[in-house]
Structures are given as structure tokens and as C-alpha cells.
Amino acid sequence: MARGRICHLWVRDVRFPTSLGGHGSDAMHTDPDYSAAYVVLETDAGDGLKGYGITFTLGKGTEVVVCAVNALAHHVLHKDLKDIVSDFRSFYRQLTSDGQLRWIGPEKGAVHLATAAILNAVWDLWAKQEGKPLWKLLVDMDPRTLLSCIDFRYITDVLTEEDAFEILKKGQVGKKEREEQMLMHGYPAYTTSCAWLGYSDDTLKQLCAAALKDGWTRFKVKVGADLQDDVRRCRLVRDMIGPEKTLMMDANQRWDVPEAVEWMSKLAEFKPLWIEEPTSPDDILGHAAISKALVPLGIGVATGEQCHNRVIFKQLLQANALQFLQIDSCRLGSVNENLSVLLMAKKFGIPVCPHAGGVGLCELVQHLIIFDYISISASLENRMCEYVDHLHEHFKYPVIIKQASYMPPKDAGYSTEMKEDSVKKHQYPYGEVWKKLLAAQEN
């Protein structure tokens, strides 16, 4: 039972200098420093539990999200956790509809990332108080209670609360067996760790060989900066993994619409399952045009990691603009908004293949996709969750991968808590790691 009044909220700017090794580099983000605005909530319940929430950033700009968290904090402080979760829809709307702050959104940009960080901390705290991992909290929740967490505003033309209830009711059939299957075998994953754009061919080969040895069968390669370079790198990866394994490509929003179609027709020989983020994440009709043009080549379109909110996803689904939908645990308004997107995807029959990686994205999104399989989609066909092998050592409850699958977390909470020592060292700009780096840059 949720309890305690939220009496403290802290937020810290935590950055990891991943740009030094080219980790995370792609056609648009050439030098990311994987970072997070890290929120901690404490109640007066006296149970010693805290809620931890993150949103993912790439270095510069994290301080803007931290400011936005502080600007939203008054909506959370001195509220009873029980009151928040018993009317979660209203609380969600209060956070996203602040009469002044919504002007710098609404439900998008830095203010929405801040909303995600705060709500992720609330969900972590609630799951801990219930003594369950977040996926299990959701799986065990009565359908009506679950739906009371979702704001259906702006999406009722495609998904009403009754539609959603019917989906969840159908999902009750075979639920226990699917939960047992997850606990035994886990949720299938794919790897992006082998083929960042900034990696040399030798690094790429070495990482591919190691991944194959570890049992990986699905690989994603970054493309979009230089066509000849892409052809060479895709050939290299395809030759290494062989014709039977699955290959995906990701352009990270690099192209205009005609360019995307032309470029992918040149890369079609490598048989990619999908091209991810071929153009601007806001261009619904552009994605639809690319999607239609690539049908004869057997290449799907995937997008979602930078879709602002449920309304963008609604339109992508309405326009037949994607064949694979990629939710993000920190871009959308936390679990609440992700639930609405999972339900819309089910209604449209589009597989969800979450975006992960970054700082803690794997840790968080595993809960959502395991819940999706058990309670909503009931299918693993054409479904897999991204995995990136960076920064897990900084988390108290890191992901567990076995035979290229995510094993369901057993610890209570949302797996969001970082090790205090890591946070202190990587806090920007006064943590030990950054003091040294910034001093070296000055010299």
C-alpha cells in the first residue's frame, strides 16, 4: 500500500564522458557524453525507502532539464504518495498541464523529460513500497486501476478507455503462462554495441565476433553519414554475422525523405529488417512516404526514441508510417504515457521494439516490454528490445542478459537506482571525474 508524504526532492546532473571512446556515436550525435538528470524522492513514511528517477541526455543541456525538474518540484512536494497513485491520471495531468510551464512544452522538450524523471521516481517508490519489481506491479494490477494511470486526452479518436479495457481483459488469457515463460527464458534482445559510427573497422570486427560468441543473433548498425562508408561497414557486418542473422540499420534522423529512399535502395542488398529514424522524428507524413516506398524492398521503418508524446505515436500509427514502434522510458511521460502507446500499438497490430542504451534506459524499459508481452501484446513475433553494453556497472540493480535475452528483474522498484559513489564521481561539474577532465581541457 502506497504511503508517506513526499518531503524531499533532489535532482543531480550526472554525466559520463563516453565521447572519449566514441561510444554512442551516430550520424547526428558524433560526440555524446551519456548523461542523466537524476531525481531522488523521499517520504516521511519512516520505511527508509526512496524513489529514484532518471531521464537520459547527451551531456550539454542536462542542466536545463535539472532546472525544469526544480520548476516542477512544487507539484510533488508535500503530496501523499497514496493520493498521487490513487488518482494518477489527475496527477499526471497536473504535472503536464502547469498553466505557465506548459508554454515551454506542452508535453515535449526539456519540460517533458523532467516530467519523466519525476514520474519515474514516483513509480520506483510505489513499486518498492509494494515490494515488487515494476513489471510485476503492472502485471498484477487490476485493469481498471492500470487504466486510471493513463491520460487518454488527445487519443480517444483511436483508443478509448473502454477499448483499452477490452485489450487488457483479452490479455488476461494465458497471462500466467506468459509470465512463467518470461521468468524462464527472458525477453529477446538485439545489440547495438558493435557498430557505433565512430568505431574503427577493427573494433567493429572484434565486437561482432565477441557478440556472436555470446549468442547474439540480432545486430544493429549505424548508417547515414557517408554512403560508401555505409556500404563497406554493412558488408563487413553482414559478412561476419552471415545471411541467417537479423540486421537492422539506424540513420538517427540524418536524411530528407527522397534521400532516405534512395540511400536505403543502395543498402537493400544487405537485407535489413528495418531502417530506424530515417528522417525528422516529427515528420509523420515523411515517415509514411518512406514506409510506402520501402515495401517493395522488404524493409520496414522503425521510429520512436525521439517522439515527443502519445499524440505523435497516434499519428504515426494512423498514417501507416511505421512497421516497428520504439517506445522510450525517459522521452515519454514515464510509465503512464508509455502504457497508452503500448495499448495503441496493440490496437493497430504494430510490434513494439523499445529503444534502450544510454544511461539506464535498458534498466527501465525491460520492465515495460516484459509487462507488454505478459499483459498486452501476448506475442514475440517480430519483437525484440534493444541492448547496449555501456554503463550498467553504475546501477545498483543492473540488467541481467542471458542467451541474448533480458531476464525479468527480481528486485523491487524500477531498477533506476544508481550507486551513490558513481553519482558523486560523475556529478557535473564538481565530481572527481569532471574536475580532472575539465582541468586537463583548460591546460
Protein backbone atom coordinates (compact mmCIF):
# COMPACT_ATOMS: atom_id res chain seq x y z
CA MET A 1 0.00 0.00 0.00
CA ALA A 2 1.43 3.40 -1.05
CA ARG A 3 2.22 5.54 1.99
CA GLY A 4 4.07 8.63 3.20
CA ARG A 5 4.17 12.28 2.29
CA ILE A 6 6.91 13.29 -0.15
CA CYS A 7 9.10 15.60 1.91
CA HIS A 8 12.31 15.85 -0.16
CA LEU A 9 13.19 16.02 -3.85
CA TRP A 10 16.78 16.22 -5.02
CA VAL A 11 18.00 16.38 -8.62
CA ARG A 12 21.56 15.97 -9.86
CA ASP A 13 23.35 16.42 -13.17
CA VAL A 14 25.25 13.15 -13.78
CA ARG A 15 27.44 12.80 -16.88
CA PHE A 16 29.70 10.05 -18.21
CA PRO A 17 32.47 11.03 -20.69
CA THR A 18 31.51 8.38 -23.29
CA SER A 19 32.56 10.67 -26.16
CA LEU A 20 36.20 9.87 -25.33
CA GLY A 21 35.73 6.30 -26.64
CA GLY A 22 33.28 7.08 -29.47
CA HIS A 23 30.57 5.12 -27.63
CA GLY A 24 27.08 6.13 -28.71
CA SER A 25 28.30 7.97 -31.81
CA ASP A 26 25.96 8.14 -34.81
CA ALA A 27 25.34 10.24 -37.92
CA MET A 28 23.78 13.13 -35.95
CA HIS A 29 25.27 12.77 -32.47
CA THR A 30 29.00 12.47 -33.10
CA ASP A 31 30.31 13.02 -29.57
CA PRO A 32 27.67 12.17 -26.94
CA ASP A 33 28.50 12.14 -23.24
CA TYR A 34 25.82 9.80 -21.91
CA SER A 35 24.15 11.67 -19.06
CA ALA A 36 21.10 11.82 -16.83
CA ALA A 37 19.05 14.22 -14.75
CA TYR A 38 18.81 12.05 -11.63
CA VAL A 39 15.90 12.60 -9.25
CA VAL A 40 15.57 11.26 -5.72
CA LEU A 41 12.30 11.37 -3.72
CA GLU A 42 11.99 10.72 -0.01
CA THR A 43 8.85 10.41 2.12
CA ASP A 44 8.16 10.72 5.83
CA ALA A 45 6.89 7.10 5.93
CA GLY A 46 9.86 6.06 8.03
CA ASP A 47 10.43 2.92 5.92
CA GLY A 48 13.83 4.08 4.65
CA LEU A 49 12.69 3.74 1.01
CA LYS A 50 13.49 6.33 -1.64
CA GLY A 51 12.27 6.71 -5.21
CA TYR A 52 14.88 7.18 -7.92
CA GLY A 53 14.10 8.55 -11.38
CA ILE A 54 16.17 9.38 -14.42
CA THR A 55 15.82 10.93 -17.80
CA PHE A 56 18.51 10.44 -20.42
CA THR A 57 20.52 13.25 -22.07
CA LEU A 58 23.74 13.57 -24.09
CA GLY A 59 25.78 15.95 -21.91
CA LYS A 60 25.20 19.64 -22.57
CA GLY A 61 21.60 20.52 -21.77
CA THR A 62 21.32 18.26 -18.75
CA GLU A 63 21.46 21.42 -16.64
CA VAL A 64 18.35 22.69 -18.49
CA VAL A 65 16.43 19.51 -17.59
CA VAL A 66 17.62 19.86 -13.97
CA CYS A 67 16.17 23.41 -13.94
CA ALA A 68 12.87 22.06 -15.31
CA VAL A 69 12.74 19.38 -12.59
CA ASN A 70 13.17 22.08 -9.94
CA ALA A 71 10.46 24.17 -11.61
CA LEU A 72 8.04 21.20 -11.41
CA ALA A 73 9.03 20.12 -7.90
CA HIS A 74 6.26 22.07 -6.11
CA HIS A 75 3.67 19.76 -7.75
CA VAL A 76 5.23 16.78 -5.97
CA LEU A 77 6.47 18.04 -2.63
CA HIS A 78 4.18 17.62 0.41
CA LYS A 79 1.86 15.30 -1.55
CA ASP A 80 0.88 11.93 -0.12
CA LEU A 81 2.11 9.09 -2.34
CA LYS A 82 -1.23 7.35 -1.74
CA ASP A 83 -3.11 10.39 -3.10
CA ILE A 84 -0.85 10.53 -6.16
CA VAL A 85 -1.22 6.89 -7.18
CA SER A 86 -4.91 6.57 -6.29
CA ASP A 87 -5.66 9.32 -8.83
CA PHE A 88 -2.57 9.03 -11.02
CA ARG A 89 -4.29 10.37 -14.15
CA SER A 90 -5.06 13.69 -12.42
CA PHE A 91 -1.53 13.95 -11.03
CA TYR A 92 -0.06 13.22 -14.48
CA ARG A 93 -2.25 15.94 -15.96
CA GLN A 94 -1.32 18.38 -13.21
CA LEU A 95 2.38 17.89 -13.98
CA THR A 96 1.95 18.16 -17.76
CA SER A 97 -0.59 21.00 -17.71
CA ASP A 98 1.04 23.53 -15.38
CA GLY A 99 -0.55 26.75 -16.67
CA GLN A 100 2.80 28.50 -17.09
CA LEU A 101 5.34 25.71 -17.66
CA ARG A 102 3.30 24.05 -20.42
CA TRP A 103 4.13 27.07 -22.60
CA ILE A 104 7.67 25.68 -22.99
CA GLY A 105 6.21 22.25 -23.87
CA PRO A 106 3.48 21.24 -23.91
CA GLU A 107 4.38 17.58 -23.27
CA LYS A 108 7.62 17.85 -25.20
CA GLY A 109 11.20 19.04 -24.87
CA ALA A 110 13.11 19.63 -21.63
CA VAL A 111 9.97 20.09 -19.53
CA HIS A 112 8.61 16.67 -20.60
CA LEU A 113 11.97 14.99 -19.97
CA ALA A 114 11.84 16.49 -16.47
CA THR A 115 8.30 15.17 -16.04
CA ALA A 116 9.57 11.69 -16.99
CA ALA A 117 12.38 11.86 -14.41
CA ILE A 118 10.00 12.83 -11.61
CA LEU A 119 7.35 10.26 -12.54
CA ASN A 120 9.96 7.51 -12.96
CA ALA A 121 10.96 8.22 -9.33
CA VAL A 122 7.31 8.05 -8.21
CA TRP A 123 6.86 4.66 -9.93
CA ASP A 124 10.11 3.36 -8.43
CA LEU A 125 8.96 4.36 -4.95
CA TRP A 126 5.49 2.88 -5.40
CA ALA A 127 6.89 -0.45 -6.67
CA LYS A 128 9.37 -0.58 -3.76
CA GLN A 129 6.61 0.05 -1.23
CA GLU A 130 4.60 -2.78 -2.82
CA GLY A 131 7.72 -4.98 -2.66
CA LYS A 132 7.58 -5.79 -6.39
CA PRO A 133 9.67 -5.11 -9.49
CA LEU A 134 7.79 -2.56 -11.61
CA TRP A 135 6.86 -5.05 -14.35
CA LYS A 136 5.20 -7.25 -11.71
CA LEU A 137 3.38 -4.30 -10.12
CA LEU A 138 1.85 -3.60 -13.56
CA VAL A 139 1.12 -7.27 -14.37
CA ASP A 140 -0.69 -7.78 -11.04
CA MET A 141 -2.64 -4.54 -11.25
CA ASP A 142 -6.39 -4.69 -11.80
CA PRO A 143 -7.13 -3.45 -15.38
CA ARG A 144 -9.29 -0.54 -14.16
CA THR A 145 -6.56 0.61 -11.75
CA LEU A 146 -3.99 0.38 -14.52
CA LEU A 147 -6.14 2.47 -16.85
CA SER A 148 -6.65 5.09 -14.13
CA CYS A 149 -2.91 5.88 -14.50
CA ILE A 150 -3.31 6.88 -18.17
CA ASP A 151 -4.28 10.28 -19.56
CA PHE A 152 -6.41 9.47 -22.63
CA ARG A 153 -6.72 13.13 -23.63
CA TYR A 154 -5.98 13.66 -27.37
CA ILE A 155 -6.02 9.93 -28.25
CA THR A 156 -9.69 8.92 -27.79
CA ASP A 157 -10.25 9.11 -31.55
CA VAL A 158 -8.15 5.92 -31.81
CA LEU A 159 -8.21 4.46 -28.28
CA THR A 160 -10.92 4.99 -25.68
CA GLU A 161 -10.67 3.78 -22.12
CA GLU A 162 -13.19 1.05 -22.97
CA ASP A 163 -11.07 -0.08 -25.95
CA ALA A 164 -8.09 -0.27 -23.63
CA PHE A 165 -10.10 -2.22 -21.04
CA GLU A 166 -11.10 -4.80 -23.69
CA ILE A 167 -7.43 -5.21 -24.71
CA LEU A 168 -6.39 -5.78 -21.09
CA LYS A 169 -9.30 -8.16 -20.50
CA LYS A 170 -8.24 -10.28 -23.51
CA GLY A 171 -4.69 -10.14 -22.19
CA GLN A 172 -5.77 -11.98 -19.03
CA VAL A 173 -6.00 -15.21 -21.05
CA GLY A 174 -2.71 -17.14 -20.86
CA LYS A 175 -1.13 -14.42 -18.72
CA LYS A 176 0.21 -16.79 -16.05
CA GLU A 177 1.90 -19.00 -18.69
CA ARG A 178 3.50 -15.95 -20.37
CA GLU A 179 4.83 -14.74 -17.02
CA GLU A 180 6.38 -18.18 -16.39
CA GLN A 181 7.87 -18.12 -19.89
CA MET A 182 9.47 -14.72 -19.23
CA LEU A 183 10.89 -15.87 -15.89
CA MET A 184 12.40 -18.91 -17.56
CA HIS A 185 13.62 -17.57 -20.91
CA GLY A 186 13.52 -13.76 -20.73
CA TYR A 187 12.62 -11.22 -23.43
CA PRO A 188 14.56 -11.38 -26.74
CA ALA A 189 17.11 -8.60 -27.25
CA TYR A 190 19.29 -7.20 -30.04
CA THR A 191 22.65 -5.48 -29.74
CA THR A 192 23.75 -2.02 -30.92
CA SER A 193 27.09 -2.14 -29.07
CA CYS A 194 29.12 -3.46 -32.03
CA ALA A 195 28.67 -0.81 -34.70
CA TRP A 196 28.70 2.77 -33.46
CA LEU A 197 29.64 5.14 -36.27
CA GLY A 198 32.82 6.32 -34.53
CA TYR A 199 34.27 2.80 -34.22
CA SER A 200 37.13 1.62 -36.42
CA ASP A 201 36.67 -1.46 -38.63
CA ASP A 202 38.93 -3.44 -36.33
CA THR A 203 36.85 -2.55 -33.25
CA LEU A 204 33.68 -3.38 -35.17
CA LYS A 205 35.01 -6.82 -36.20
CA GLN A 206 36.27 -7.58 -32.72
CA LEU A 207 32.94 -6.63 -31.07
CA CYS A 208 30.90 -8.54 -33.68
CA ALA A 209 32.98 -11.67 -33.15
CA ALA A 210 32.59 -11.40 -29.36
CA ALA A 211 28.80 -10.85 -29.67
CA LEU A 212 28.40 -13.89 -31.93
CA LYS A 213 30.34 -15.96 -29.43
CA ASP A 214 27.96 -14.75 -26.69
CA GLY A 215 24.96 -15.98 -28.68
CA TRP A 216 23.66 -12.72 -30.21
CA THR A 217 21.61 -13.22 -33.38
CA ARG A 218 20.28 -9.68 -33.99
CA PHE A 219 22.54 -6.73 -34.74
CA LYS A 220 22.06 -3.03 -35.46
CA VAL A 221 24.46 -0.86 -37.41
CA LYS A 222 24.57 2.95 -37.52
CA VAL A 223 24.37 4.50 -41.01
CA GLY A 224 23.72 7.83 -42.69
CA ALA A 225 26.90 9.90 -42.75
CA ASP A 226 28.59 8.61 -45.93
CA LEU A 227 27.07 6.14 -48.42
CA GLN A 228 30.30 4.41 -49.47
CA ASP A 229 31.32 4.08 -45.84
CA ASP A 230 27.88 2.61 -45.03
CA VAL A 231 28.13 0.07 -47.85
CA ARG A 232 31.57 -1.01 -46.64
CA ARG A 233 30.56 -1.26 -42.97
CA CYS A 234 27.23 -3.02 -43.68
CA ARG A 235 29.04 -5.53 -45.91
CA LEU A 236 31.60 -6.11 -43.18
CA VAL A 237 28.88 -6.73 -40.55
CA ARG A 238 26.72 -8.89 -42.86
CA ASP A 239 29.76 -10.99 -43.84
CA MET A 240 30.63 -11.50 -40.19
CA ILE A 241 27.15 -12.42 -38.95
CA GLY A 242 26.12 -14.43 -42.03
CA PRO A 243 22.87 -14.37 -44.04
CA GLU A 244 20.61 -16.00 -41.43
CA LYS A 245 21.06 -13.48 -38.62
CA THR A 246 18.94 -10.31 -38.34
CA LEU A 247 20.41 -6.93 -39.29
CA MET A 248 18.85 -3.53 -38.60
CA MET A 249 20.03 -0.07 -39.64
CA ASP A 250 19.70 3.29 -37.88
CA ALA A 251 20.17 6.69 -39.54
CA ASN A 252 19.35 8.79 -36.45
CA GLN A 253 17.27 11.36 -38.41
CA ARG A 254 20.00 12.17 -40.91
CA TRP A 255 18.12 12.24 -44.22
CA ASP A 256 15.46 14.12 -46.13
CA VAL A 257 12.61 11.93 -47.37
CA PRO A 258 13.77 11.33 -51.00
CA GLU A 259 17.35 10.84 -49.78
CA ALA A 260 16.23 8.19 -47.29
CA VAL A 261 14.51 6.18 -50.02
CA GLU A 262 17.46 6.47 -52.40
CA TRP A 263 20.07 5.65 -49.72
CA MET A 264 18.15 2.61 -48.49
CA SER A 265 17.71 1.27 -52.03
CA LYS A 266 21.53 1.17 -52.13
CA LEU A 267 21.73 -0.65 -48.77
CA ALA A 268 18.88 -3.09 -49.52
CA GLU A 269 21.34 -5.78 -50.67
CA PHE A 270 22.32 -6.30 -47.02
CA LYS A 271 18.73 -7.32 -46.19
CA PRO A 272 17.97 -5.04 -43.25
CA LEU A 273 14.81 -5.78 -41.28
CA TRP A 274 14.28 -2.05 -40.71
CA ILE A 275 15.67 1.43 -41.16
CA GLU A 276 15.33 3.37 -37.94
CA GLU A 277 14.71 7.13 -37.73
CA PRO A 278 15.29 7.74 -41.44
CA THR A 279 14.19 11.40 -41.18
CA SER A 280 12.95 14.04 -38.71
CA PRO A 281 11.10 12.39 -35.80
CA ASP A 282 8.32 14.98 -36.20
CA ASP A 283 7.65 14.19 -39.86
CA ILE A 284 4.72 11.79 -39.77
CA LEU A 285 3.90 12.04 -43.47
CA GLY A 286 7.59 11.78 -44.38
CA HIS A 287 7.84 8.52 -42.46
CA ALA A 288 4.68 7.32 -44.21
CA ALA A 289 6.14 8.11 -47.65
CA ILE A 290 9.42 6.32 -46.83
CA SER A 291 7.49 3.39 -45.39
CA LYS A 292 5.42 3.01 -48.56
CA ALA A 293 8.46 3.35 -50.86
CA LEU A 294 10.43 0.67 -49.00
CA VAL A 295 7.68 -2.01 -49.07
CA PRO A 296 8.93 -3.50 -52.41
CA LEU A 297 12.43 -3.77 -50.89
CA GLY A 298 11.10 -5.64 -47.85
CA ILE A 299 12.48 -3.02 -45.45
CA GLY A 300 10.37 -1.76 -42.55
CA VAL A 301 10.52 1.65 -40.87
CA ALA A 302 11.14 1.94 -37.13
CA THR A 303 10.95 5.09 -35.03
CA GLY A 304 10.02 6.43 -31.61
CA GLU A 305 13.03 7.24 -29.44
CA GLN A 306 12.57 10.96 -30.10
CA CYS A 307 8.78 11.03 -30.49
CA HIS A 308 7.61 13.71 -28.08
CA ASN A 309 4.43 12.12 -26.79
CA ARG A 310 1.47 9.78 -27.34
CA VAL A 311 -0.05 12.17 -29.91
CA ILE A 312 2.89 11.78 -32.30
CA PHE A 313 2.69 7.99 -31.91
CA LYS A 314 -1.06 8.12 -32.55
CA GLN A 315 -0.48 9.89 -35.88
CA LEU A 316 2.38 7.59 -36.93
CA LEU A 317 0.03 4.65 -36.39
CA GLN A 318 -2.89 6.34 -38.18
CA ALA A 319 -0.69 7.16 -41.19
CA ASN A 320 0.80 3.62 -41.52
CA ALA A 321 4.13 5.35 -41.10
CA LEU A 322 5.97 2.62 -39.19
CA GLN A 323 6.25 -1.16 -39.04
CA PHE A 324 8.12 -1.21 -35.70
CA LEU A 325 7.30 1.13 -32.82
CA GLN A 326 10.08 2.16 -30.45
CA ILE A 327 9.00 3.43 -27.06
CA ASP A 328 11.49 5.18 -24.77
CA SER A 329 11.22 5.04 -20.98
CA CYS A 330 12.55 8.58 -20.45
CA ARG A 331 11.35 10.53 -23.52
CA LEU A 332 7.63 9.95 -22.97
CA GLY A 333 5.90 10.91 -19.71
CA SER A 334 7.15 7.86 -17.80
CA VAL A 335 5.20 4.62 -17.37
CA ASN A 336 1.86 6.44 -17.62
CA GLU A 337 2.30 7.67 -21.18
CA ASN A 338 4.13 4.54 -22.31
CA LEU A 339 1.13 2.44 -21.26
CA SER A 340 -1.10 4.42 -23.63
CA VAL A 341 1.34 3.86 -26.51
CA LEU A 342 1.64 0.11 -25.83
CA LEU A 343 -2.15 -0.13 -25.94
CA MET A 344 -2.41 1.88 -29.20
CA ALA A 345 0.29 -0.30 -30.79
CA LYS A 346 -1.70 -3.40 -29.85
CA LYS A 347 -4.87 -1.95 -31.36
CA PHE A 348 -3.05 -1.22 -34.65
CA GLY A 349 -1.19 -4.57 -34.63
CA ILE A 350 2.27 -2.95 -34.70
CA PRO A 351 5.11 -4.68 -32.80
CA VAL A 352 6.86 -2.67 -30.08
CA CYS A 353 10.68 -2.88 -30.07
CA PRO A 354 11.85 -0.44 -27.39
CA HIS A 355 14.76 1.95 -27.66
CA ALA A 356 17.38 1.38 -24.96
CA GLY A 357 21.03 2.04 -24.13
CA GLY A 358 22.14 5.42 -22.81
CA VAL A 359 22.20 5.79 -19.05
CA GLY A 360 19.75 3.33 -17.50
CA LEU A 361 17.41 3.03 -20.49
CA CYS A 362 17.92 -0.75 -20.60
CA GLU A 363 17.30 -0.98 -16.87
CA LEU A 364 13.96 0.85 -17.17
CA VAL A 365 12.48 -0.28 -20.47
CA GLN A 366 12.90 -4.01 -19.74
CA HIS A 367 10.06 -3.63 -17.21
CA LEU A 368 7.73 -2.07 -19.80
CA ILE A 369 8.34 -4.61 -22.55
CA ILE A 370 8.09 -7.63 -20.22
CA PHE A 371 4.76 -6.24 -18.98
CA ASP A 372 3.69 -5.63 -22.61
CA TYR A 373 4.27 -9.28 -23.52
CA ILE A 374 2.55 -10.69 -20.44
CA SER A 375 -0.50 -8.40 -20.35
CA ILE A 376 -0.95 -6.68 -23.73
CA SER A 377 0.76 -7.99 -26.88
CA ALA A 378 0.93 -11.71 -25.93
CA SER A 379 3.32 -12.13 -28.87
CA LEU A 380 7.07 -12.24 -29.52
CA GLU A 381 6.72 -12.22 -33.30
CA ASN A 382 8.94 -9.53 -34.84
CA ARG A 383 9.59 -8.19 -31.34
CA MET A 384 12.86 -7.52 -29.55
CA CYS A 385 14.31 -4.98 -27.16
CA GLU A 386 17.49 -3.02 -27.80
CA TYR A 387 20.51 -3.71 -25.62
CA VAL A 388 23.67 -1.62 -25.33
CA ASP A 389 26.54 -2.79 -23.17
CA HIS A 390 27.53 0.53 -21.56
CA LEU A 391 27.40 1.94 -18.02
CA HIS A 392 25.44 -0.86 -16.32
CA GLU A 393 28.15 -1.08 -13.65
CA HIS A 394 26.94 2.24 -12.22
CA PHE A 395 23.49 0.83 -11.32
CA LYS A 396 22.54 -0.89 -8.10
CA TYR A 397 20.25 -3.32 -9.97
CA PRO A 398 21.80 -3.71 -13.45
CA VAL A 399 20.09 -5.63 -16.23
CA ILE A 400 20.75 -9.35 -16.50
CA ILE A 401 21.19 -10.68 -20.03
CA LYS A 402 21.20 -14.45 -20.61
CA GLN A 403 21.40 -16.00 -24.07
CA ALA A 404 20.71 -12.62 -25.69
CA SER A 405 17.54 -12.08 -23.63
CA TYR A 406 16.55 -9.73 -20.83
CA MET A 407 15.84 -11.72 -17.66
CA PRO A 408 12.97 -10.20 -15.64
CA PRO A 409 14.28 -8.15 -12.69
CA LYS A 410 13.53 -9.65 -9.27
CA ASP A 411 14.37 -6.64 -7.06
CA ALA A 412 11.55 -4.31 -6.01
CA GLY A 413 11.34 -0.98 -7.87
CA TYR A 414 12.04 0.32 -11.36
CA SER A 415 15.81 -0.57 -11.44
CA THR A 416 16.52 3.19 -11.56
CA GLU A 417 18.80 3.50 -8.55
CA MET A 418 22.43 4.34 -9.27
CA LYS A 419 25.38 3.61 -6.99
CA GLU A 420 25.99 6.66 -4.80
CA ASP A 421 29.74 6.51 -5.41
CA SER A 422 29.20 6.63 -9.21
CA VAL A 423 26.82 9.58 -8.88
CA LYS A 424 29.28 11.53 -6.73
CA LYS A 425 32.22 10.88 -9.06
CA HIS A 426 30.30 11.78 -12.23
CA GLN A 427 28.29 14.73 -10.97
CA TYR A 428 28.85 17.68 -13.28
CA PRO A 429 30.95 19.81 -12.96
CA TYR A 430 32.27 19.17 -9.44
CA GLY A 431 32.57 15.37 -9.36
CA GLU A 432 36.07 13.90 -9.34
CA VAL A 433 35.88 12.64 -12.98
CA TRP A 434 34.83 16.04 -14.35
CA LYS A 435 37.20 18.07 -12.20
CA LYS A 436 40.10 16.14 -13.75
CA LEU A 437 38.74 16.28 -17.32
CA LEU A 438 37.88 19.99 -17.21
CA ALA A 439 41.27 20.83 -15.67
CA ALA A 440 43.01 18.86 -18.45
CA GLN A 441 40.95 20.72 -21.09
CA GLU A 442 42.00 24.08 -19.64
CA ASN A 443 45.65 23.07 -19.93
